[in-house]
Amino acid sequence: MADLSVEFAGLNLMNPFMLASAPPAANAEMIQRAFEGGWAGAVTKTIALEPAIDVRPRLARLAMANRTIGLENIELITQRKLDVWVKDIEEIKHHYPDHVLFASLMGAVVRDEWHSLIKQVQEAGVDGLELNFGCPHGMPEKGMGSVQGQDPAIAGNITRWAKEVATVPVMVKLTPNVTDIAQVGEACEEAGADAISAINTVSALIGIDLDRLEPLPSVGGTSAFGGYSGPAVKPIGLRCIGQLAKGTDLPLSGIGGIAKWQDAAEYILVGASTVQVCTAVMFRGYNIVEKMKKGLSAYMDEKGFQSVAKMRGHILPKITAHEELNFAHKVVAAIDQDLCTKCGLCYTACMDGGWQAIEMESRQVYPRVLIERCDGCSLCTHVCPVEGCITMVALEASQHS
């Protein structure tokens, strides 16, 4: 059976699953319930010298067929005072000494402010620190959050200040709202960071209420750009972890759109040692971790990965520059008539968005691929509603069939 335990920045976790710094990690009672339910670690909701005041409401979702694919929030950091969090940290570590607890911290670009925060949570017993350089809303106006993570020099300086007093591992949480996240990661690595987590939420405006003519989420008629999370941001998170894995030598904690074991597996394969979950827990609860652990373990057994460490970064060598891709590799679409429903979606997509390489005289006949026209773009495979009906096959194999 695969070994799910992880060594991360000198800390030992029972499995790679952690709660992200977010509402599910808002206090000691919640974090302890999560630990009891099987989570190996957690990052507290972000703590500062002064608590935040939130607006109401502060969430809005993007859905398709009533399935949430994205969630925007305009929530700020913790509403709880630092001294309350100190007591919470002490309580959590007293009851769960073998679980890993990171304190998420945020401050201005002021050395003494970071020193004060770090010393107080360290004395309470945290296992690690996560410096929040990623929050994209509310806090940047105050000189905090993503405005720090968008400047490699500032991010590096704060990391350096943290390392001056830190006695536990320092992890920096980076924003995806940058041109080159690896450049920021490299600056933090040079400043002494022990690990990187990514991504924080993506800056977004989730939508407009067309009846009320108000941006969402509407706070009495107005709103602000917020942080976007959920399944829709996973491709951005995977890209960022891949760039950081290639650009730094630090252990990585992957965040963004993780809702099932397959998502966690993808993050590990692209370079993450641990994964952090938020939105999926908000919608489905702490119990999702058991299914994720079982699914990941079974997958690792199937693929022959004895440990998370052996699996980590396995596909990185296959991510290359576009110019280095194999331009001689040729494929064309093949339609399985035994599965085809004659819906015509592939024909329409190819006619209006592809290479006019599918022929279909009417809905009474099967669509047919014109091999000499097919450019192998694969659009038809993505619009087909029947799994496995349309596949991309090597050009030589298609000509023989």
Protein backbone atom coordinates (compact mmCIF):
# COMPACT_ATOMS: atom_id res chain seq x y z
CA MET A 1 0.00 0.00 0.00
CA ALA A 2 1.31 3.44 -0.94
CA ASP A 3 2.84 5.60 1.77
CA LEU A 4 0.92 8.89 1.99
CA SER A 5 3.18 10.43 4.63
CA VAL A 6 5.09 13.53 3.58
CA GLU A 7 8.22 15.33 4.73
CA PHE A 8 7.61 19.01 4.02
CA ALA A 9 10.10 21.74 4.91
CA GLY A 10 11.40 19.58 7.75
CA LEU A 11 7.92 18.78 9.07
CA ASN A 12 6.31 15.34 8.99
CA LEU A 13 2.69 15.02 7.85
CA MET A 14 0.61 11.85 7.94
CA ASN A 15 -0.73 12.60 4.46
CA PRO A 16 -0.45 15.49 1.97
CA PHE A 17 -3.88 17.01 2.69
CA MET A 18 -4.08 20.34 4.52
CA LEU A 19 -6.75 22.95 5.10
CA ALA A 20 -5.91 26.21 3.35
CA SER A 21 -5.96 29.54 5.14
CA ALA A 22 -9.65 30.32 4.74
CA PRO A 23 -13.04 30.08 6.49
CA PRO A 24 -12.70 26.31 7.18
CA ALA A 25 -9.66 27.15 9.35
CA ALA A 26 -11.24 30.11 11.14
CA ASN A 27 -10.81 28.98 14.76
CA ALA A 28 -9.52 26.25 17.06
CA GLU A 29 -12.77 24.31 17.22
CA MET A 30 -13.01 24.02 13.42
CA ILE A 31 -9.37 23.06 12.91
CA GLN A 32 -9.58 20.39 15.60
CA ARG A 33 -12.67 18.88 13.99
CA ALA A 34 -10.78 18.78 10.70
CA PHE A 35 -7.82 17.05 12.33
CA GLU A 36 -10.17 14.53 13.93
CA GLY A 37 -11.64 13.90 10.47
CA GLY A 38 -8.32 12.97 8.88
CA TRP A 39 -6.63 16.16 7.70
CA ALA A 40 -2.89 16.07 8.36
CA GLY A 41 -2.35 19.80 8.59
CA ALA A 42 -3.95 23.21 8.47
CA VAL A 43 -3.09 26.84 7.88
CA THR A 44 -4.98 29.28 10.07
CA LYS A 45 -7.09 32.02 8.60
CA THR A 46 -4.71 34.93 8.15
CA ILE A 47 -3.76 36.71 11.36
CA ALA A 48 -2.63 40.33 11.65
CA LEU A 49 -1.92 42.76 14.48
CA GLU A 50 -5.42 44.17 13.97
CA PRO A 51 -8.49 42.09 13.02
CA ALA A 52 -10.52 42.82 9.90
CA ILE A 53 -14.12 43.97 9.51
CA ASP A 54 -16.06 42.22 6.74
CA VAL A 55 -18.95 43.31 4.53
CA ARG A 56 -22.14 41.30 4.05
CA PRO A 57 -22.74 39.42 1.82
CA ARG A 58 -19.26 38.61 0.56
CA LEU A 59 -19.62 35.51 -1.64
CA ALA A 60 -20.92 34.90 -5.17
CA ARG A 61 -20.68 31.79 -7.33
CA LEU A 62 -20.35 30.89 -10.98
CA ALA A 63 -22.39 27.81 -11.86
CA MET A 64 -23.07 25.60 -14.88
CA ALA A 65 -26.13 23.32 -14.72
CA ASN A 66 -26.35 24.31 -11.04
CA ARG A 67 -22.84 22.96 -10.39
CA THR A 68 -20.53 25.50 -8.82
CA ILE A 69 -17.36 25.87 -10.86
CA GLY A 70 -16.11 29.06 -9.26
CA LEU A 71 -16.56 31.12 -6.12
CA GLU A 72 -15.68 34.77 -5.65
CA ASN A 73 -15.15 36.21 -2.20
CA ILE A 74 -14.56 39.72 -0.95
CA GLU A 75 -13.85 38.48 2.56
CA LEU A 76 -10.81 39.82 4.35
CA ILE A 77 -8.50 38.20 6.88
CA THR A 78 -9.57 37.02 10.34
CA GLN A 79 -12.05 39.03 12.39
CA ARG A 80 -10.46 37.65 15.57
CA LYS A 81 -7.78 39.35 17.63
CA LEU A 82 -4.20 38.14 17.86
CA ASP A 83 -4.42 37.25 21.55
CA VAL A 84 -7.44 35.04 20.84
CA TRP A 85 -5.52 33.25 18.12
CA VAL A 86 -2.58 32.72 20.46
CA LYS A 87 -4.89 30.82 22.82
CA ASP A 88 -6.38 28.88 19.90
CA ILE A 89 -2.95 27.81 18.67
CA GLU A 90 -2.00 26.63 22.15
CA GLU A 91 -5.23 24.64 22.40
CA ILE A 92 -4.84 23.03 18.97
CA LYS A 93 -1.27 21.95 19.59
CA HIS A 94 -2.14 20.65 23.05
CA HIS A 95 -4.82 18.32 21.68
CA TYR A 96 -3.19 17.50 18.31
CA PRO A 97 0.59 17.63 18.79
CA ASP A 98 1.22 15.28 15.83
CA HIS A 99 -0.69 17.37 13.32
CA VAL A 100 1.01 20.23 11.48
CA LEU A 101 -0.26 23.75 12.09
CA PHE A 102 0.90 26.77 10.11
CA ALA A 103 -0.04 30.29 11.15
CA SER A 104 -0.91 32.50 8.20
CA LEU A 105 0.35 36.02 8.80
CA MET A 106 -0.09 39.39 7.12
CA GLY A 107 1.46 42.76 7.83
CA ALA A 108 2.54 46.02 6.29
CA VAL A 109 6.01 46.48 4.84
CA VAL A 110 7.29 47.15 8.34
CA ARG A 111 9.99 44.94 9.82
CA ASP A 112 8.96 45.31 13.47
CA GLU A 113 5.35 44.44 12.65
CA TRP A 114 6.35 41.10 11.15
CA HIS A 115 8.75 40.40 14.02
CA SER A 116 6.01 41.01 16.59
CA LEU A 117 3.52 38.74 14.82
CA ILE A 118 5.99 35.94 14.34
CA LYS A 119 7.26 35.93 17.89
CA GLN A 120 3.77 35.75 19.38
CA VAL A 121 2.50 32.85 17.25
CA GLN A 122 5.78 30.99 17.64
CA GLU A 123 5.56 31.19 21.41
CA ALA A 124 2.06 29.71 21.14
CA GLY A 125 3.53 26.64 19.45
CA VAL A 126 2.88 26.79 15.69
CA ASP A 127 4.86 24.38 13.54
CA GLY A 128 5.33 26.81 10.67
CA LEU A 129 4.56 30.25 9.30
CA GLU A 130 2.82 31.13 6.04
CA LEU A 131 3.42 34.70 4.90
CA ASN A 132 0.34 35.87 3.00
CA PHE A 133 1.62 37.66 -0.10
CA GLY A 134 -1.46 36.75 -2.10
CA CYS A 135 -4.77 38.28 -0.97
CA PRO A 136 -6.02 40.23 -4.04
CA HIS A 137 -8.74 42.38 -2.48
CA GLY A 138 -9.16 44.77 0.41
CA MET A 139 -5.70 44.34 1.84
CA PRO A 140 -3.62 45.57 -1.15
CA GLU A 141 -5.13 49.04 -0.65
CA LYS A 142 -3.46 48.95 2.76
CA GLY A 143 -0.10 47.90 1.35
CA MET A 144 -0.57 44.23 2.24
CA GLY A 145 -1.37 40.95 0.49
CA SER A 146 -0.88 40.63 -3.24
CA VAL A 147 0.73 44.06 -3.61
CA GLN A 148 3.68 42.55 -1.73
CA GLY A 149 3.66 39.35 -3.74
CA GLN A 150 3.68 41.29 -7.00
CA ASP A 151 7.04 42.87 -6.20
CA PRO A 152 9.95 40.41 -5.89
CA ALA A 153 12.01 42.93 -3.90
CA ILE A 154 9.29 43.51 -1.30
CA ALA A 155 8.47 39.81 -1.05
CA GLY A 156 12.15 39.04 -0.60
CA ASN A 157 12.65 41.69 2.05
CA ILE A 158 9.69 40.54 4.16
CA THR A 159 10.84 36.94 3.86
CA ARG A 160 14.28 38.02 5.05
CA TRP A 161 12.75 39.84 8.03
CA ALA A 162 10.72 36.77 8.91
CA LYS A 163 13.80 34.55 8.84
CA GLU A 164 15.58 36.88 11.24
CA VAL A 165 13.30 35.77 14.10
CA ALA A 166 11.69 32.56 12.85
CA THR A 167 12.50 29.36 14.68
CA VAL A 168 10.08 27.31 12.54
CA PRO A 169 9.82 26.87 8.74
CA VAL A 170 8.74 29.93 6.76
CA MET A 171 6.43 29.32 3.79
CA VAL A 172 5.44 32.16 1.48
CA LYS A 173 2.00 32.15 -0.17
CA LEU A 174 2.14 33.69 -3.62
CA THR A 175 -0.41 35.39 -5.83
CA PRO A 176 -1.13 34.18 -9.38
CA ASN A 177 -1.85 37.78 -10.39
CA VAL A 178 1.66 38.37 -11.71
CA THR A 179 3.49 38.05 -15.00
CA ASP A 180 6.07 35.54 -13.74
CA ILE A 181 5.38 33.78 -10.42
CA ALA A 182 8.70 31.94 -10.58
CA GLN A 183 10.56 35.25 -10.42
CA VAL A 184 8.84 36.07 -7.13
CA GLY A 185 9.47 32.55 -5.86
CA GLU A 186 13.17 32.84 -6.67
CA ALA A 187 13.38 36.12 -4.73
CA CYS A 188 11.81 34.48 -1.69
CA GLU A 189 14.09 31.46 -2.02
CA GLU A 190 17.16 33.72 -2.11
CA ALA A 191 15.85 35.48 1.02
CA GLY A 192 15.73 32.18 2.88
CA ALA A 193 12.16 30.88 2.48
CA ASP A 194 11.75 27.24 3.41
CA ALA A 195 8.70 26.52 1.23
CA ILE A 196 6.19 28.10 -1.14
CA SER A 197 2.41 27.72 -1.32
CA ALA A 198 0.44 28.71 -4.40
CA ILE A 199 -1.93 29.89 -5.50
CA ASN A 200 -3.93 32.44 -3.61
CA THR A 201 -7.18 33.47 -5.25
CA VAL A 202 -7.36 34.99 -8.73
CA SER A 203 -8.47 38.62 -8.97
CA ALA A 204 -11.92 38.62 -10.56
CA LEU A 205 -15.38 40.08 -10.96
CA ILE A 206 -17.71 37.11 -11.00
CA GLY A 207 -20.68 38.70 -12.71
CA ILE A 208 -23.39 41.31 -13.01
CA ASP A 209 -27.00 41.06 -11.83
CA LEU A 210 -28.70 42.03 -15.09
CA ASP A 211 -32.07 42.69 -13.45
CA ARG A 212 -30.80 44.91 -10.65
CA LEU A 213 -27.87 46.31 -12.66
CA GLU A 214 -25.44 45.60 -9.83
CA PRO A 215 -22.03 43.89 -9.68
CA LEU A 216 -21.82 40.68 -7.67
CA PRO A 217 -21.63 40.05 -4.80
CA SER A 218 -23.78 43.11 -4.25
CA VAL A 219 -23.22 44.92 -0.97
CA GLY A 220 -26.15 47.29 -0.92
CA GLY A 221 -25.79 47.93 -4.64
CA THR A 222 -22.00 48.11 -5.00
CA SER A 223 -19.17 45.58 -5.02
CA ALA A 224 -15.42 45.28 -5.49
CA PHE A 225 -13.05 43.04 -7.40
CA GLY A 226 -12.54 39.90 -5.33
CA GLY A 227 -10.71 36.60 -5.11
CA TYR A 228 -11.82 33.74 -7.39
CA SER A 229 -11.44 30.11 -6.30
CA GLY A 230 -12.93 26.68 -6.98
CA PRO A 231 -12.58 24.12 -9.81
CA ALA A 232 -12.20 26.77 -12.51
CA VAL A 233 -8.86 28.02 -11.15
CA LYS A 234 -7.13 24.62 -11.05
CA PRO A 235 -5.42 25.05 -14.44
CA ILE A 236 -3.92 28.34 -13.19
CA GLY A 237 -2.76 26.68 -9.98
CA LEU A 238 -1.19 23.77 -11.84
CA ARG A 239 0.63 26.14 -14.17
CA CYS A 240 2.00 28.16 -11.24
CA ILE A 241 3.17 25.09 -9.31
CA GLY A 242 4.84 23.79 -12.48
CA GLN A 243 6.64 27.10 -13.01
CA LEU A 244 7.74 27.23 -9.37
CA ALA A 245 8.92 23.61 -9.48
CA LYS A 246 11.05 24.39 -12.51
CA GLY A 247 12.23 27.77 -11.19
CA THR A 248 13.05 26.99 -7.54
CA ASP A 249 14.30 24.14 -5.40
CA LEU A 250 11.83 24.73 -2.56
CA PRO A 251 9.11 22.30 -1.43
CA LEU A 252 5.71 23.38 -2.74
CA SER A 253 2.18 23.27 -1.37
CA GLY A 254 -0.39 23.30 -4.16
CA ILE A 255 -3.63 25.26 -3.85
CA GLY A 256 -6.49 26.00 -6.22
CA GLY A 257 -9.50 23.99 -7.35
CA ILE A 258 -8.72 20.82 -5.41
CA ALA A 259 -11.99 18.96 -4.81
CA LYS A 260 -11.15 15.28 -5.33
CA TRP A 261 -8.20 12.92 -5.26
CA GLN A 262 -7.54 13.33 -8.97
CA ASP A 263 -6.91 17.05 -8.46
CA ALA A 264 -4.44 16.32 -5.67
CA ALA A 265 -2.67 13.75 -7.84
CA GLU A 266 -2.25 16.31 -10.62
CA TYR A 267 -0.71 18.85 -8.26
CA ILE A 268 1.72 16.27 -6.88
CA LEU A 269 2.70 15.08 -10.36
CA VAL A 270 3.51 18.65 -11.37
CA GLY A 271 5.68 19.26 -8.30
CA ALA A 272 3.70 19.79 -5.09
CA SER A 273 4.51 17.88 -1.90
CA THR A 274 1.30 18.85 -0.11
CA VAL A 275 -2.05 20.25 -1.20
CA GLN A 276 -4.34 22.73 0.52
CA VAL A 277 -8.12 22.74 0.16
CA CYS A 278 -10.67 25.48 0.81
CA THR A 279 -13.68 25.88 -1.50
CA ALA A 280 -14.52 22.16 -1.70
CA VAL A 281 -14.60 21.99 2.11
CA MET A 282 -16.84 25.05 2.26
CA PHE A 283 -19.37 23.31 0.00
CA ARG A 284 -19.03 19.68 1.11
CA GLY A 285 -17.44 19.60 4.55
CA TYR A 286 -14.33 18.17 6.17
CA ASN A 287 -15.31 14.56 5.46
CA ILE A 288 -14.20 14.79 1.82
CA VAL A 289 -10.64 14.09 2.92
CA GLU A 290 -11.24 10.37 3.54
CA LYS A 291 -12.33 9.74 -0.03
CA MET A 292 -9.41 11.80 -1.30
CA LYS A 293 -6.90 9.83 0.77
CA LYS A 294 -8.31 6.48 -0.35
CA GLY A 295 -8.45 7.53 -3.99
CA LEU A 296 -4.91 8.90 -4.02
CA SER A 297 -3.55 5.79 -2.31
CA ALA A 298 -5.27 3.48 -4.80
CA TYR A 299 -3.98 5.52 -7.74
CA MET A 300 -0.43 5.42 -6.40
CA ASP A 301 -0.65 1.66 -6.02
CA GLU A 302 -1.97 1.33 -9.57
CA LYS A 303 0.85 3.43 -11.01
CA GLY A 304 3.58 1.95 -8.84
CA PHE A 305 4.37 5.05 -6.81
CA GLN A 306 5.47 3.82 -3.40
CA SER A 307 5.41 7.27 -1.82
CA VAL A 308 4.34 10.85 -2.46
CA ALA A 309 8.03 11.76 -2.76
CA LYS A 310 8.47 9.25 -5.61
CA MET A 311 5.42 10.66 -7.38
CA ARG A 312 6.24 14.34 -6.92
CA GLY A 313 7.16 16.15 -10.13
CA HIS A 314 6.97 12.98 -12.22
CA ILE A 315 5.56 14.73 -15.31
CA LEU A 316 7.69 17.90 -15.08
CA PRO A 317 10.18 16.72 -17.73
CA LYS A 318 7.25 16.46 -20.14
CA ILE A 319 6.40 20.16 -19.79
CA THR A 320 8.56 21.98 -22.28
CA ALA A 321 8.76 25.16 -24.32
CA HIS A 322 6.23 25.31 -27.13
CA GLU A 323 8.98 25.50 -29.75
CA GLU A 324 10.36 22.18 -28.48
CA LEU A 325 7.12 20.26 -29.05
CA ASN A 326 7.01 17.54 -31.72
CA PHE A 327 5.58 19.27 -34.78
CA ALA A 328 5.88 16.03 -36.76
CA HIS A 329 3.28 14.34 -34.54
CA LYS A 330 0.09 14.08 -36.62
CA VAL A 331 -3.35 12.95 -35.45
CA VAL A 332 -6.85 13.04 -36.92
CA ALA A 333 -10.31 12.50 -35.46
CA ALA A 334 -12.00 9.11 -35.59
CA ILE A 335 -15.74 8.69 -34.86
CA ASP A 336 -17.07 5.43 -33.40
CA GLN A 337 -20.44 4.87 -35.10
CA ASP A 338 -21.43 2.34 -32.43
CA LEU A 339 -21.43 5.16 -29.90
CA CYS A 340 -22.47 8.08 -32.10
CA THR A 341 -25.96 9.55 -31.48
CA LYS A 342 -25.96 11.68 -34.67
CA CYS A 343 -26.42 14.83 -32.58
CA GLY A 344 -24.37 16.86 -35.04
CA LEU A 345 -22.44 18.85 -32.46
CA CYS A 346 -19.08 17.77 -33.86
CA TYR A 347 -20.15 18.78 -37.37
CA THR A 348 -21.28 22.24 -36.25
CA ALA A 349 -18.15 22.84 -34.17
CA CYS A 350 -15.84 21.77 -36.98
CA MET A 351 -17.69 23.85 -39.57
CA ASP A 352 -17.82 27.04 -37.52
CA GLY A 353 -14.76 26.73 -35.29
CA GLY A 354 -12.49 24.21 -36.96
CA TRP A 355 -11.32 23.02 -40.37
CA GLN A 356 -14.58 22.00 -42.08
CA ALA A 357 -13.32 18.43 -41.89
CA ILE A 358 -16.53 16.67 -40.79
CA GLU A 359 -19.21 15.84 -43.32
CA MET A 360 -22.85 15.25 -42.31
CA GLU A 361 -25.66 15.54 -44.86
CA SER A 362 -28.47 15.25 -42.30
CA ARG A 363 -29.27 14.12 -38.76
CA GLN A 364 -30.26 10.75 -40.22
CA VAL A 365 -26.69 9.85 -41.20
CA TYR A 366 -23.47 9.48 -39.22
CA PRO A 367 -20.89 12.27 -39.40
CA ARG A 368 -17.77 11.36 -41.35
CA VAL A 369 -14.26 12.73 -40.90
CA LEU A 370 -12.55 13.96 -44.06
CA ILE A 371 -9.00 12.87 -43.24
CA GLU A 372 -7.41 15.03 -45.90
CA ARG A 373 -8.91 18.14 -44.27
CA CYS A 374 -8.63 17.23 -40.58
CA ASP A 375 -5.88 19.25 -38.90
CA GLY A 376 -6.01 17.31 -35.62
CA CYS A 377 -7.08 20.25 -33.44
CA SER A 378 -9.34 17.95 -31.30
CA LEU A 379 -12.24 20.43 -30.95
CA CYS A 380 -14.75 17.74 -31.92
CA THR A 381 -13.68 15.48 -29.04
CA HIS A 382 -14.50 18.22 -26.53
CA VAL A 383 -18.00 19.03 -27.81
CA CYS A 384 -19.10 15.41 -28.22
CA PRO A 385 -21.50 14.47 -25.38
CA VAL A 386 -20.64 10.75 -25.53
CA GLU A 387 -17.42 9.78 -23.80
CA GLY A 388 -15.05 7.87 -26.07
CA CYS A 389 -17.11 8.37 -29.22
CA ILE A 390 -14.56 10.63 -30.90
CA THR A 391 -10.86 9.99 -30.39
CA MET A 392 -7.68 11.36 -31.89
CA VAL A 393 -5.62 8.69 -33.63
CA ALA A 394 -2.24 8.73 -35.33
CA LEU A 395 -2.57 9.67 -38.96
CA GLU A 396 -0.97 6.42 -40.13
CA ALA A 397 -3.41 4.30 -38.09
CA SER A 398 -6.34 6.29 -39.39
CA GLN A 399 -5.30 5.74 -43.01
CA HIS A 400 -5.05 2.00 -42.44
CA SER A 401 -8.45 1.72 -40.71
